[in-house]
Amino acid sequence: MKLDREAARRLAAALVMIDIPGTTLGEPELALLRRYPLRAICLFRRNLSGLAGTRRLTAELHALLGPRGLVAIDQEGGAVSRATFVPVGPSGMALGAVGDAELAQQVGAATARSMAWLGVNWNFAPVLDVNNNPANPVIGERSFSDDPDEVARLAGAWMKGSLAEGVACCVKHFPGHGDTHEDSHHALPQVDKSLPELEALELRPFRRLNDCAPALMTAHIVYPQLDPERPATLSPFFLTELLRRRIGYQGVVITDALMMRAIADRWGHARAAVLALQAGADMVLAQGSLAEQEGAIEAVTDALLDGRLDAEALQLAANRVDRLAAHYPASLREVDPAQWARDERLMERAAERALTALRAPQPPKGPLRVITQGEVSSDGVSEAGPSARDVASLWEPDVDIEWLVVPKLSALRAEQIPRDGRCNVLASNTRARYPESAQDWPIDLHLALWNPFQSLDLPVPTLLTWGYDAPALRALRAWLNGDLQAQGRAPIRALEHA
């Protein structure tokens, strides 16, 4: 299959997903879209300006990208929810704490409806990572469970709900990001496991959902026993030999973002795009500056022309992406206010059922001291954590509270916390685990609003919300008022016995 440069560029553009910098399309982005027949754009929080503004943007994108267009987003639920102005679902682990597959399916359907109202037709969810590592800095409550079969059961139900509403899913992160000590946004993690070990845990959800997942996202992780040189995203063994040949996966394979330091620092943005397609990916997520995005397209074009990339193989990849777009076409579904209200109530009920008690916490009475961090920035994966002002909204204004607002909870010292008869409540609004010295903190009640594994660092009565989305915070407020019982059950063995 011989291509001239224009044909090679068209094929390359069909296999590259980009992003845009703001809530509208400026002249530089329009120029890029005019020059290249791109079909796929990923949206982030910076692109969203409420319901009406986002709908205006996606309507323009649909017109520019055409009938094969794909508008994608990360709307997992919980902390990874780019659109917070629609009914927001609970995190995977919150659904794991409930353990109800029917509820998971309903949440998946409601999430998909919100995406369709926004004009999004591809959601990068659900997470199939099996979080069996409490030290994992990036997956945490995004995982449904540390049991691979439970992950498959609940994620499969969530996906069934989404697909029934006409929004494509994308399971992630193949072959598994649950057992890492590093975040691939900042470093290149390694998981030193054999293939039988992966088959026994990480790969089980991917195998179970192989036939029903329309798309799959790769992990920027090196598995040295299987490919000591390249992370799974760039590895022919993982993407072609294992995923396509042995597992038999037929859906679309897209990379995680190539701008993440695990990839960009070692292979560079443009070269990584070529290596990922050589390895067996169908589409590369080449977000970054306009120059980086254009560089990725041109690098793929050059590789098609000089034979480093096989044109027939990439045409098959383009065909797979075509089928995904045809089956889940981009459209702007009219908002149904009555359904919106029902979906909001569904998310509220899910958050209420997910509240989980460890070590018999009780709503605090008497004068309180609430310790929390002032501001919590986004870590690039999750949205910004709740501020001290958000935490303050959990209590009625007339409650006697003395506030201890610190710059960084992980730097908190025991001597900063008075022991004067007030009930000391730690409201954790950060992801970072606590230091070993937390064992000495005089805390009477721990409200873990984000990372449930902080409860392993602080052995006191703890309430887990599994996230800080608005429904989770409202459920916590009801518990603090004595109006709601915590009925969830930790879906992680390390927490179950804490």
Protein backbone atom coordinates (compact mmCIF):
# COMPACT_ATOMS: atom_id res chain seq x y z
CA MET A 1 0.00 0.00 0.00
CA LYS A 2 1.85 3.07 -1.28
CA LEU A 3 0.86 6.52 -0.02
CA ASP A 4 1.79 9.99 -1.16
CA ARG A 5 2.43 12.63 1.50
CA GLU A 6 -1.11 13.99 1.48
CA ALA A 7 -2.64 10.53 1.88
CA ALA A 8 -0.13 9.67 4.61
CA ARG A 9 -0.98 12.87 6.43
CA ARG A 10 -4.71 12.11 6.24
CA LEU A 11 -4.16 8.64 7.67
CA ALA A 12 -1.89 9.98 10.41
CA ALA A 13 -4.41 12.66 11.41
CA ALA A 14 -7.13 10.01 11.72
CA LEU A 15 -5.06 8.25 14.41
CA VAL A 16 -4.05 11.23 16.57
CA MET A 17 -6.20 12.71 19.33
CA ILE A 18 -5.40 16.28 20.38
CA ASP A 19 -6.60 18.74 23.01
CA ILE A 20 -7.31 22.47 23.00
CA PRO A 21 -6.30 25.18 25.48
CA GLY A 22 -9.56 26.91 26.36
CA THR A 23 -13.34 27.09 26.32
CA THR A 24 -13.47 28.31 22.72
CA LEU A 25 -11.56 27.57 19.55
CA GLY A 26 -9.00 30.24 18.76
CA GLU A 27 -7.40 30.91 15.41
CA PRO A 28 -4.33 28.67 16.12
CA GLU A 29 -6.56 25.65 16.87
CA LEU A 30 -8.77 26.37 13.88
CA ALA A 31 -5.68 26.59 11.67
CA LEU A 32 -4.52 23.18 12.93
CA LEU A 33 -7.93 21.66 12.25
CA ARG A 34 -7.99 23.21 8.77
CA ARG A 35 -4.55 21.87 7.94
CA TYR A 36 -5.11 18.34 9.21
CA PRO A 37 -8.27 16.21 8.91
CA LEU A 38 -8.30 15.44 12.64
CA ARG A 39 -11.23 13.53 14.07
CA ALA A 40 -10.62 13.29 17.83
CA ILE A 41 -10.32 15.84 20.64
CA CYS A 42 -10.06 15.25 24.38
CA LEU A 43 -11.69 17.76 26.72
CA PHE A 44 -10.42 18.74 30.16
CA ARG A 45 -11.71 20.96 32.97
CA ARG A 46 -10.13 24.02 31.32
CA ASN A 47 -12.40 23.50 28.29
CA LEU A 48 -15.68 23.38 30.21
CA SER A 49 -17.71 26.52 30.89
CA GLY A 50 -20.95 25.20 32.30
CA LEU A 51 -23.71 23.42 30.44
CA ALA A 52 -24.47 26.07 27.82
CA GLY A 53 -20.84 27.00 27.12
CA THR A 54 -19.71 23.40 26.83
CA ARG A 55 -22.57 22.59 24.48
CA ARG A 56 -21.58 25.52 22.26
CA LEU A 57 -18.01 24.25 22.12
CA THR A 58 -18.91 20.65 21.33
CA ALA A 59 -21.41 21.72 18.66
CA GLU A 60 -18.58 23.57 16.95
CA LEU A 61 -16.29 20.56 17.34
CA HIS A 62 -18.91 18.24 15.82
CA ALA A 63 -19.16 20.49 12.78
CA LEU A 64 -15.38 20.65 12.36
CA LEU A 65 -14.58 16.99 13.03
CA GLY A 66 -17.37 15.63 10.86
CA PRO A 67 -19.37 12.39 11.09
CA ARG A 68 -16.30 10.39 12.18
CA GLY A 69 -15.70 12.80 15.07
CA LEU A 70 -14.85 11.69 18.59
CA VAL A 71 -15.11 14.06 21.54
CA ALA A 72 -13.61 12.42 24.60
CA ILE A 73 -13.33 13.16 28.32
CA ASP A 74 -12.35 11.56 31.65
CA GLN A 75 -15.61 11.32 33.61
CA GLU A 76 -14.95 8.32 35.84
CA GLY A 77 -16.87 9.67 38.82
CA GLY A 78 -15.50 10.82 42.15
CA ALA A 79 -12.30 12.88 42.00
CA VAL A 80 -11.78 12.22 38.28
CA SER A 81 -14.84 14.07 37.00
CA ARG A 82 -14.00 16.87 34.59
CA ALA A 83 -17.61 18.07 34.40
CA THR A 84 -18.80 18.88 37.93
CA PHE A 85 -21.90 20.85 36.88
CA VAL A 86 -23.79 17.73 35.75
CA PRO A 87 -24.94 14.82 37.95
CA VAL A 88 -21.58 13.44 39.17
CA GLY A 89 -21.24 9.75 39.92
CA PRO A 90 -19.33 8.20 42.81
CA SER A 91 -15.81 6.86 42.50
CA GLY A 92 -15.23 3.24 41.59
CA MET A 93 -14.36 2.36 45.18
CA ALA A 94 -17.54 4.03 46.44
CA LEU A 95 -19.51 1.71 44.16
CA GLY A 96 -17.34 -1.12 45.45
CA ALA A 97 -18.32 -0.18 49.00
CA VAL A 98 -21.97 -0.58 48.02
CA GLY A 99 -21.36 -3.74 45.99
CA ASP A 100 -24.59 -3.44 43.98
CA ALA A 101 -24.15 -4.19 40.27
CA GLU A 102 -27.58 -2.79 39.43
CA LEU A 103 -26.62 0.51 41.04
CA ALA A 104 -23.30 0.52 39.13
CA GLN A 105 -25.21 0.04 35.87
CA GLN A 106 -27.59 2.88 36.71
CA VAL A 107 -24.67 5.17 37.56
CA GLY A 108 -22.94 4.28 34.30
CA ALA A 109 -26.11 5.10 32.38
CA ALA A 110 -26.61 8.41 34.21
CA THR A 111 -23.00 9.39 33.60
CA ALA A 112 -23.40 8.63 29.91
CA ARG A 113 -26.58 10.70 29.70
CA SER A 114 -24.71 13.68 31.13
CA MET A 115 -21.96 13.21 28.58
CA ALA A 116 -24.48 13.01 25.74
CA TRP A 117 -26.07 16.25 26.98
CA LEU A 118 -22.59 17.81 26.75
CA GLY A 119 -21.92 16.43 23.27
CA VAL A 120 -19.28 13.90 24.41
CA ASN A 121 -19.40 10.48 22.74
CA TRP A 122 -16.31 8.80 24.26
CA ASN A 123 -15.73 8.56 28.00
CA PHE A 124 -12.35 7.30 29.23
CA ALA A 125 -13.87 5.06 31.90
CA PRO A 126 -14.31 2.69 33.71
CA VAL A 127 -11.08 1.87 35.53
CA LEU A 128 -10.21 -1.85 35.51
CA ASP A 129 -7.11 -1.47 37.66
CA VAL A 130 -7.10 -3.81 40.65
CA ASN A 131 -5.90 -1.67 43.53
CA ASN A 132 -4.07 -4.16 45.70
CA ASN A 133 -1.35 -1.64 46.66
CA PRO A 134 -2.31 0.86 49.40
CA ALA A 135 0.77 2.93 48.49
CA ASN A 136 -0.46 3.52 44.93
CA PRO A 137 -0.32 7.31 44.46
CA VAL A 138 -2.61 7.65 41.45
CA ILE A 139 -5.31 4.92 41.34
CA GLY A 140 -6.57 4.66 44.92
CA GLU A 141 -10.33 5.13 45.16
CA ARG A 142 -10.63 5.13 41.35
CA SER A 143 -10.45 1.32 41.48
CA PHE A 144 -13.57 -0.68 42.32
CA SER A 145 -11.81 -3.24 44.51
CA ASP A 146 -8.69 -5.27 45.23
CA ASP A 147 -10.60 -8.34 44.01
CA PRO A 148 -10.23 -8.69 40.21
CA ASP A 149 -13.54 -10.51 39.83
CA GLU A 150 -15.36 -7.80 41.76
CA VAL A 151 -13.68 -5.16 39.57
CA ALA A 152 -14.92 -6.98 36.47
CA ARG A 153 -18.44 -7.42 37.87
CA LEU A 154 -18.97 -3.78 38.84
CA ALA A 155 -17.03 -2.18 35.99
CA GLY A 156 -18.87 -4.42 33.54
CA ALA A 157 -22.22 -3.30 34.95
CA TRP A 158 -21.16 0.37 34.81
CA MET A 159 -20.06 -0.07 31.20
CA LYS A 160 -23.30 -1.81 30.26
CA GLY A 161 -25.22 1.22 31.49
CA SER A 162 -23.04 3.64 29.57
CA LEU A 163 -23.13 1.75 26.30
CA ALA A 164 -26.92 1.44 26.45
CA GLU A 165 -27.06 5.25 26.45
CA GLY A 166 -24.96 5.49 23.30
CA VAL A 167 -21.67 6.72 24.79
CA ALA A 168 -18.50 4.71 24.17
CA CYS A 169 -16.43 3.53 27.14
CA CYS A 170 -12.70 3.00 27.38
CA VAL A 171 -11.42 0.54 29.97
CA LYS A 172 -8.03 1.38 31.48
CA HIS A 173 -5.09 1.07 32.13
CA PHE A 174 -3.93 -2.08 30.32
CA PRO A 175 -2.35 -4.34 31.55
CA GLY A 176 -2.94 -2.86 35.02
CA HIS A 177 -1.93 0.21 37.04
CA GLY A 178 -3.11 -0.95 40.46
CA ASP A 179 0.17 -2.25 41.88
CA THR A 180 2.44 0.75 41.34
CA HIS A 181 4.29 2.95 43.83
CA GLU A 182 4.73 5.80 41.33
CA ASP A 183 2.48 8.00 39.23
CA SER A 184 3.24 7.74 35.50
CA HIS A 185 2.34 11.42 35.12
CA HIS A 186 5.62 12.16 36.90
CA ALA A 187 7.81 9.04 36.63
CA LEU A 188 8.09 5.71 34.83
CA PRO A 189 6.71 3.03 37.17
CA GLN A 190 7.86 -0.58 37.10
CA VAL A 191 5.90 -3.64 38.16
CA ASP A 192 8.20 -6.63 38.50
CA LYS A 193 5.70 -9.41 37.83
CA SER A 194 5.73 -12.44 35.58
CA LEU A 195 2.99 -13.10 33.05
CA PRO A 196 1.38 -15.79 35.28
CA GLU A 197 1.28 -13.25 38.12
CA LEU A 198 -0.40 -10.67 35.86
CA GLU A 199 -2.85 -13.29 34.62
CA ALA A 200 -3.77 -14.14 38.21
CA LEU A 201 -4.69 -10.56 39.11
CA GLU A 202 -4.29 -7.54 36.80
CA LEU A 203 -5.36 -9.16 33.54
CA ARG A 204 -8.46 -10.89 34.85
CA PRO A 205 -10.84 -7.91 34.48
CA PHE A 206 -9.50 -7.19 30.98
CA ARG A 207 -10.05 -10.80 29.96
CA ARG A 208 -13.52 -10.89 31.52
CA LEU A 209 -14.65 -7.74 29.69
CA ASN A 210 -12.71 -8.38 26.50
CA ASP A 211 -15.75 -8.90 24.29
CA CYS A 212 -17.82 -5.93 25.49
CA ALA A 213 -15.31 -3.09 25.90
CA PRO A 214 -15.33 -0.98 22.71
CA ALA A 215 -12.03 0.71 23.59
CA LEU A 216 -9.05 0.27 25.88
CA MET A 217 -6.37 2.65 27.19
CA THR A 218 -2.76 1.61 27.76
CA ALA A 219 -0.57 2.05 30.84
CA HIS A 220 2.80 3.82 30.86
CA ILE A 221 4.36 1.07 33.01
CA VAL A 222 7.40 -1.14 32.46
CA TYR A 223 7.05 -4.83 33.29
CA PRO A 224 10.74 -5.80 33.18
CA GLN A 225 10.17 -9.56 33.15
CA LEU A 226 8.15 -9.23 29.94
CA ASP A 227 9.61 -6.17 28.18
CA PRO A 228 12.56 -4.62 30.00
CA GLU A 229 12.96 -1.77 27.51
CA ARG A 230 9.52 -0.29 26.87
CA PRO A 231 6.40 0.50 28.88
CA ALA A 232 3.21 -1.26 27.81
CA THR A 233 2.13 1.78 25.75
CA LEU A 234 5.14 1.33 23.46
CA SER A 235 5.54 -2.45 23.71
CA PRO A 236 4.73 -4.79 20.79
CA PHE A 237 4.62 -7.66 23.27
CA PHE A 238 1.82 -6.09 25.32
CA LEU A 239 -0.24 -4.44 22.58
CA THR A 240 0.15 -6.95 19.76
CA GLU A 241 1.27 -10.30 21.15
CA LEU A 242 -0.61 -10.30 24.46
CA LEU A 243 -3.63 -8.04 23.84
CA ARG A 244 -4.44 -8.77 20.20
CA ARG A 245 -3.17 -12.34 19.69
CA ARG A 246 -3.47 -14.08 23.05
CA ILE A 247 -6.42 -12.20 24.56
CA GLY A 248 -8.03 -11.57 21.17
CA TYR A 249 -9.11 -8.00 21.80
CA GLN A 250 -10.78 -6.44 18.74
CA GLY A 251 -11.68 -2.95 19.99
CA VAL A 252 -9.88 0.37 19.69
CA VAL A 253 -6.60 0.73 21.59
CA ILE A 254 -5.68 4.29 22.56
CA THR A 255 -2.62 5.36 24.51
CA ASP A 256 -2.67 7.28 27.72
CA ALA A 257 -1.38 10.83 27.22
CA LEU A 258 2.03 10.90 25.56
CA MET A 259 2.86 14.19 27.28
CA MET A 260 3.07 12.38 30.64
CA ARG A 261 6.65 12.38 31.89
CA ALA A 262 6.87 8.59 31.92
CA ILE A 263 6.86 8.81 28.10
CA ALA A 264 7.81 12.35 27.09
CA ASP A 265 10.99 12.53 29.18
CA ARG A 266 12.43 9.36 27.63
CA TRP A 267 11.13 9.04 24.10
CA GLY A 268 9.80 12.47 23.25
CA HIS A 269 6.30 13.33 22.14
CA ALA A 270 6.65 12.73 18.39
CA ARG A 271 8.82 9.61 18.53
CA ALA A 272 6.51 8.06 21.12
CA ALA A 273 3.55 8.48 18.77
CA VAL A 274 5.35 6.41 16.13
CA LEU A 275 6.51 3.79 18.62
CA ALA A 276 3.00 3.38 20.07
CA LEU A 277 1.48 2.81 16.63
CA GLN A 278 4.29 0.40 15.75
CA ALA A 279 3.53 -1.48 18.98
CA GLY A 280 -0.12 -1.92 18.03
CA ALA A 281 -2.04 1.11 19.29
CA ASP A 282 -4.82 2.41 17.05
CA MET A 283 -4.82 6.00 18.28
CA VAL A 284 -2.35 8.15 20.22
CA LEU A 285 -3.42 10.75 22.76
CA ALA A 286 -1.00 13.46 21.69
CA GLN A 287 -2.20 16.34 23.83
CA GLY A 288 0.27 19.15 24.42
CA SER A 289 1.22 22.39 22.74
CA LEU A 290 0.08 22.97 19.19
CA ALA A 291 3.67 22.44 18.04
CA GLU A 292 3.87 19.11 19.88
CA GLN A 293 0.55 17.96 18.44
CA GLU A 294 1.54 18.92 14.93
CA GLY A 295 4.91 17.26 15.50
CA ALA A 296 3.19 14.00 16.40
CA ILE A 297 1.09 14.06 13.22
CA GLU A 298 4.10 14.83 11.04
CA ALA A 299 6.20 12.15 12.74
CA VAL A 300 3.54 9.55 11.97
CA THR A 301 3.30 10.86 8.41
CA ASP A 302 7.07 10.56 7.93
CA ALA A 303 7.08 7.05 9.39
CA LEU A 304 4.34 6.01 6.95
CA LEU A 305 6.32 7.35 4.02
CA ASP A 306 9.67 5.79 4.96
CA GLY A 307 8.21 2.40 5.91
CA ARG A 308 8.72 2.45 9.68
CA LEU A 309 4.93 2.27 9.96
CA ASP A 310 2.99 -0.17 7.84
CA ALA A 311 0.24 1.64 5.93
CA GLU A 312 -2.02 -1.40 5.74
CA ALA A 313 -1.78 -1.99 9.48
CA LEU A 314 -2.60 1.65 10.17
CA GLN A 315 -5.52 1.55 7.78
CA LEU A 316 -6.90 -1.35 9.81
CA ALA A 317 -6.43 0.79 12.91
CA ALA A 318 -8.29 3.65 11.24
CA ASN A 319 -11.09 1.24 10.33
CA ARG A 320 -11.45 0.20 13.98
CA VAL A 321 -11.70 3.84 15.01
CA ASP A 322 -14.22 4.42 12.20
CA ARG A 323 -16.41 1.63 13.57
CA LEU A 324 -16.26 3.12 17.07
CA ALA A 325 -17.33 6.53 15.78
CA ALA A 326 -20.10 5.03 13.65
CA HIS A 327 -21.49 2.99 16.54
CA TYR A 328 -21.32 5.91 19.01
CA PRO A 329 -21.85 8.99 16.82
CA ALA A 330 -21.20 12.46 18.15
CA SER A 331 -24.40 14.38 18.74
CA LEU A 332 -25.81 16.98 21.09
CA ARG A 333 -28.69 15.32 22.92
CA GLU A 334 -31.38 17.61 24.24
CA VAL A 335 -31.34 17.99 28.01
CA ASP A 336 -34.24 16.33 29.82
CA PRO A 337 -34.75 18.31 33.08
CA ALA A 338 -36.86 15.58 34.69
CA GLN A 339 -34.24 12.94 33.90
CA TRP A 340 -31.51 15.27 35.15
CA ALA A 341 -33.30 15.53 38.51
CA ARG A 342 -33.71 11.74 38.71
CA ASP A 343 -30.02 11.26 37.92
CA GLU A 344 -29.00 13.74 40.61
CA ARG A 345 -31.05 11.81 43.15
CA LEU A 346 -29.51 8.54 41.97
CA MET A 347 -26.02 9.94 42.58
CA GLU A 348 -27.13 11.15 46.02
CA ARG A 349 -28.41 7.71 46.97
CA ALA A 350 -25.20 6.07 45.75
CA ALA A 351 -23.08 8.44 47.85
CA GLU A 352 -25.25 7.83 50.90
CA ARG A 353 -25.01 4.06 50.57
CA ALA A 354 -21.24 4.23 50.09
CA LEU A 355 -20.39 5.96 53.40
CA THR A 356 -18.24 3.50 55.33
CA ALA A 357 -17.36 3.45 59.03
CA LEU A 358 -14.06 2.12 60.36
CA ARG A 359 -13.49 1.71 64.11
CA ALA A 360 -17.02 2.82 65.05
CA PRO A 361 -17.00 6.58 64.41
CA GLN A 362 -19.86 8.65 65.79
CA PRO A 363 -21.05 12.13 64.77
CA PRO A 364 -19.08 14.46 67.06
CA LYS A 365 -20.81 16.37 69.83
CA GLY A 366 -19.75 19.33 71.94
CA PRO A 367 -17.16 21.93 71.04
CA LEU A 368 -15.10 20.85 68.01
CA ARG A 369 -11.71 21.57 66.57
CA VAL A 370 -11.54 20.85 62.85
CA ILE A 371 -8.13 20.40 61.27
CA THR A 372 -7.87 20.63 57.49
CA GLN A 373 -5.69 21.96 54.68
CA GLY A 374 -6.46 25.42 53.33
CA GLU A 375 -6.31 24.77 49.58
CA VAL A 376 -5.68 21.61 47.55
CA SER A 377 -4.57 22.01 43.94
CA SER A 378 -5.31 19.53 41.19
CA ASP A 379 -2.60 16.90 40.82
CA GLY A 380 -3.17 16.71 37.07
CA VAL A 381 -5.27 13.56 37.36
CA SER A 382 -7.93 14.37 39.91
CA GLU A 383 -9.67 17.69 40.19
CA ALA A 384 -8.73 20.13 42.95
CA GLY A 385 -9.59 18.84 46.40
CA PRO A 386 -12.15 20.60 48.60
CA SER A 387 -10.88 23.79 50.22
CA ALA A 388 -11.17 24.61 53.91
CA ARG A 389 -14.21 26.70 52.96
CA ASP A 390 -15.80 23.62 51.37
CA VAL A 391 -15.02 21.62 54.51
CA ALA A 392 -16.64 24.34 56.64
CA SER A 393 -19.90 23.87 54.75
CA LEU A 394 -20.22 20.39 56.28
CA TRP A 395 -21.43 21.94 59.56
CA GLU A 396 -24.22 24.33 60.44
CA PRO A 397 -23.01 27.89 61.08
CA ASP A 398 -23.97 27.77 64.79
CA VAL A 399 -21.78 24.74 65.62
CA ASP A 400 -18.98 25.64 68.04
CA ILE A 401 -15.88 25.00 65.92
CA GLU A 402 -12.32 26.17 66.36
CA TRP A 403 -10.51 25.90 63.02
CA LEU A 404 -6.94 24.74 62.56
CA VAL A 405 -6.25 25.34 58.87
CA VAL A 406 -2.75 24.28 57.83
CA PRO A 407 -0.80 24.76 54.59
CA LYS A 408 -0.04 21.04 54.26
CA LEU A 409 -1.66 18.19 56.17
CA SER A 410 1.25 15.84 55.52
CA ALA A 411 3.48 18.26 57.51
CA LEU A 412 1.14 18.37 60.49
CA ARG A 413 2.80 17.76 63.87
CA ALA A 414 1.22 16.40 67.04
CA GLU A 415 2.27 19.44 69.08
CA GLN A 416 0.19 21.70 66.80
CA ILE A 417 -3.00 20.00 67.96
CA PRO A 418 -4.23 21.07 71.41
CA ARG A 419 -5.59 18.57 73.92
CA ASP A 420 -8.03 20.79 75.72
CA GLY A 421 -11.35 18.95 75.77
CA ARG A 422 -12.50 19.90 72.29
CA CYS A 423 -13.23 17.00 69.96
CA ASN A 424 -10.40 17.00 67.43
CA VAL A 425 -11.76 16.25 63.94
CA LEU A 426 -9.33 15.76 61.07
CA ALA A 427 -11.05 16.45 57.75
CA SER A 428 -8.59 15.17 55.18
CA ASN A 429 -9.00 16.93 51.85
CA THR A 430 -5.73 15.72 50.25
CA ARG A 431 -4.59 12.54 48.48
CA ALA A 432 -1.14 12.18 50.08
CA ARG A 433 -0.67 9.47 52.71
CA TYR A 434 0.18 10.65 56.22
CA PRO A 435 3.68 10.43 57.70
CA GLU A 436 4.55 7.79 60.29
CA SER A 437 4.25 10.47 62.98
CA ALA A 438 0.48 10.56 62.36
CA GLN A 439 0.23 7.70 64.83
CA ASP A 440 0.82 10.34 67.54
CA TRP A 441 -1.73 12.90 66.34
CA PRO A 442 -4.44 13.39 69.01
CA ILE A 443 -7.38 12.93 66.66
CA ASP A 444 -10.80 11.83 67.90
CA LEU A 445 -12.52 11.54 64.52
CA HIS A 446 -11.00 11.17 61.05
CA LEU A 447 -13.06 12.19 58.02
CA ALA A 448 -11.20 10.77 55.01
CA LEU A 449 -12.64 12.73 52.08
CA TRP A 450 -10.27 11.45 49.40
CA ASN A 451 -7.65 8.75 49.96
CA PRO A 452 -9.17 5.91 52.00
CA PHE A 453 -5.73 4.44 52.66
CA GLN A 454 -4.95 7.34 55.00
CA SER A 455 -7.03 5.37 57.50
CA LEU A 456 -4.14 2.90 57.70
CA ASP A 457 -1.85 5.71 58.92
CA LEU A 458 -4.16 7.01 61.62
CA PRO A 459 -5.76 4.24 63.75
CA VAL A 460 -8.73 6.23 65.08
CA PRO A 461 -12.50 6.19 64.38
CA THR A 462 -12.80 7.03 60.69
CA LEU A 463 -15.54 7.76 58.21
CA LEU A 464 -14.74 7.10 54.53
CA THR A 465 -16.57 9.02 51.80
CA TRP A 466 -14.46 7.61 48.90
CA GLY A 467 -14.33 11.02 47.28
CA TYR A 468 -15.24 14.67 47.58
CA ASP A 469 -17.74 15.11 44.78
CA ALA A 470 -20.80 17.13 45.77
CA PRO A 471 -23.05 14.11 46.52
CA ALA A 472 -20.34 12.60 48.75
CA LEU A 473 -19.99 15.82 50.73
CA ARG A 474 -23.77 16.12 51.13
CA ALA A 475 -23.92 12.55 52.40
CA LEU A 476 -21.17 13.31 54.91
CA ARG A 477 -23.03 16.40 56.09
CA ALA A 478 -26.12 14.27 56.70
CA TRP A 479 -24.04 11.79 58.72
CA LEU A 480 -22.51 14.59 60.80
CA ASN A 481 -26.03 15.85 61.55
CA GLY A 482 -27.05 12.38 62.70
CA ASP A 483 -29.49 11.96 59.82
CA LEU A 484 -27.71 9.12 58.01
CA GLN A 485 -26.09 5.83 58.99
CA ALA A 486 -22.88 4.66 57.33
CA GLN A 487 -23.74 1.35 55.66
CA GLY A 488 -20.91 0.78 53.16
CA ARG A 489 -18.36 -2.03 53.41
CA ALA A 490 -14.72 -1.48 52.47
CA PRO A 491 -14.00 -3.34 49.19
CA ILE A 492 -10.29 -3.54 50.09
CA ARG A 493 -9.06 -6.21 52.47
CA ALA A 494 -6.42 -3.94 54.01
CA LEU A 495 -9.19 -1.53 55.01
CA GLU A 496 -11.73 -4.16 55.91
CA HIS A 497 -9.56 -5.27 58.82
CA ALA A 498 -8.21 -1.84 59.78
